[in-house]
């Protein structure tokens, strides 16, 4: 990895492109996970509210 940073501009460009792709994939996975957790939390809160266990007026 260090050699590609000190090597030719083509290798540097490919290294940056690979790093960018890793970041994009990680963000996509994080967004999907956050949406799923949010849906589960909404369902659980709705169930608590329906059962009368929440102190919401």
C-alpha atoms as a PDB file:
ATOM      1  CA  UNK A   1       0.000   0.000   0.000  1.00  0.00           C
ATOM      2  CA  UNK A   2       2.788   2.435   0.877  1.00  0.00           C
ATOM      3  CA  UNK A   3       4.627   1.608  -2.357  1.00  0.00           C
ATOM      4  CA  UNK A   4       1.571   2.595  -4.402  1.00  0.00           C
ATOM      5  CA  UNK A   5       1.505   6.017  -2.736  1.00  0.00           C
ATOM      6  CA  UNK A   6       5.120   6.719  -3.663  1.00  0.00           C
ATOM      7  CA  UNK A   7       4.950   5.077  -7.099  1.00  0.00           C
ATOM      8  CA  UNK A   8       3.532   6.225 -10.402  1.00  0.00           C
ATOM      9  CA  UNK A   9       0.529   8.549 -10.702  1.00  0.00           C
ATOM     10  CA  UNK A  10      -1.496   5.687 -12.215  1.00  0.00           C
ATOM     11  CA  UNK A  11      -1.006   3.558  -9.106  1.00  0.00           C
ATOM     12  CA  UNK A  12      -1.842   6.540  -6.917  1.00  0.00           C
ATOM     13  CA  UNK A  13      -5.038   7.118  -8.860  1.00  0.00           C
ATOM     14  CA  UNK A  14      -6.039   3.467  -8.626  1.00  0.00           C
ATOM     15  CA  UNK A  15      -5.317   3.451  -4.907  1.00  0.00           C
ATOM     16  CA  UNK A  16      -7.480   6.523  -4.374  1.00  0.00           C
ATOM     17  CA  UNK A  17     -10.252   5.015  -6.511  1.00  0.00           C
ATOM     18  CA  UNK A  18     -10.163   1.779  -4.513  1.00  0.00           C
ATOM     19  CA  UNK A  19     -10.296   3.723  -1.245  1.00  0.00           C
ATOM     20  CA  UNK A  20     -13.241   5.760  -2.496  1.00  0.00           C
ATOM     21  CA  UNK A  21     -15.114   2.609  -3.481  1.00  0.00           C
ATOM     22  CA  UNK A  22     -14.528   1.116  -0.025  1.00  0.00           C
ATOM     23  CA  UNK A  23     -15.940   4.265   1.600  1.00  0.00           C
ATOM     24  CA  UNK A  24     -18.983   4.281  -0.700  1.00  0.00           C
ATOM     25  CA  UNK A  25     -19.772   0.626   0.008  1.00  0.00           C
ATOM     26  CA  UNK A  26     -19.327   1.155   3.760  1.00  0.00           C
ATOM     27  CA  UNK A  27     -21.698   4.149   3.727  1.00  0.00           C
ATOM     28  CA  UNK A  28     -24.307   2.192   1.743  1.00  0.00           C
ATOM     29  CA  UNK A  29     -24.160  -0.661   4.245  1.00  0.00           C
ATOM     30  CA  UNK A  30     -24.372   1.764   7.173  1.00  0.00           C
ATOM     31  CA  UNK A  31     -27.440   3.473   5.674  1.00  0.00           C
ATOM     32  CA  UNK A  32     -29.199   0.145   5.087  1.00  0.00           C
ATOM     33  CA  UNK A  33     -28.433  -0.946   8.639  1.00  0.00           C
ATOM     34  CA  UNK A  34     -29.634   2.362  10.090  1.00  0.00           C
ATOM     35  CA  UNK A  35     -32.916   2.139   8.162  1.00  0.00           C
ATOM     36  CA  UNK A  36     -33.516  -1.419   9.368  1.00  0.00           C
ATOM     37  CA  UNK A  37     -32.771  -0.492  12.982  1.00  0.00           C
ATOM     38  CA  UNK A  38     -35.102   2.490  12.686  1.00  0.00           C
ATOM     39  CA  UNK A  39     -37.921   0.326  11.345  1.00  0.00           C
ATOM     40  CA  UNK A  40     -37.469  -2.206  14.138  1.00  0.00           C
ATOM     41  CA  UNK A  41     -37.430   0.578  16.742  1.00  0.00           C
ATOM     42  CA  UNK A  42     -40.609   2.093  15.280  1.00  0.00           C
ATOM     43  CA  UNK A  43     -42.381  -1.273  15.385  1.00  0.00           C
ATOM     44  CA  UNK A  44     -41.308  -1.882  18.985  1.00  0.00           C
ATOM     45  CA  UNK A  45     -42.406   1.612  20.071  1.00  0.00           C
ATOM     46  CA  UNK A  46     -45.746   1.155  18.309  1.00  0.00           C
ATOM     47  CA  UNK A  47     -46.230  -2.151  20.105  1.00  0.00           C
ATOM     48  CA  UNK A  48     -45.443  -0.562  23.476  1.00  0.00           C
ATOM     49  CA  UNK A  49     -47.779   2.328  22.735  1.00  0.00           C
ATOM     50  CA  UNK A  50     -50.580  -0.031  21.700  1.00  0.00           C
ATOM     51  CA  UNK A  51     -50.105  -2.142  24.822  1.00  0.00           C
ATOM     52  CA  UNK A  52     -50.203   0.987  26.984  1.00  0.00           C
ATOM     53  CA  UNK A  53     -46.690   0.630  28.401  1.00  0.00           C
ATOM     54  CA  UNK A  54     -45.517   4.047  27.229  1.00  0.00           C
ATOM     55  CA  UNK A  55     -46.216   7.052  29.383  1.00  0.00           C
ATOM     56  CA  UNK A  56     -47.085   9.226  26.384  1.00  0.00           C
ATOM     57  CA  UNK A  57     -50.188  11.370  26.835  1.00  0.00           C
END
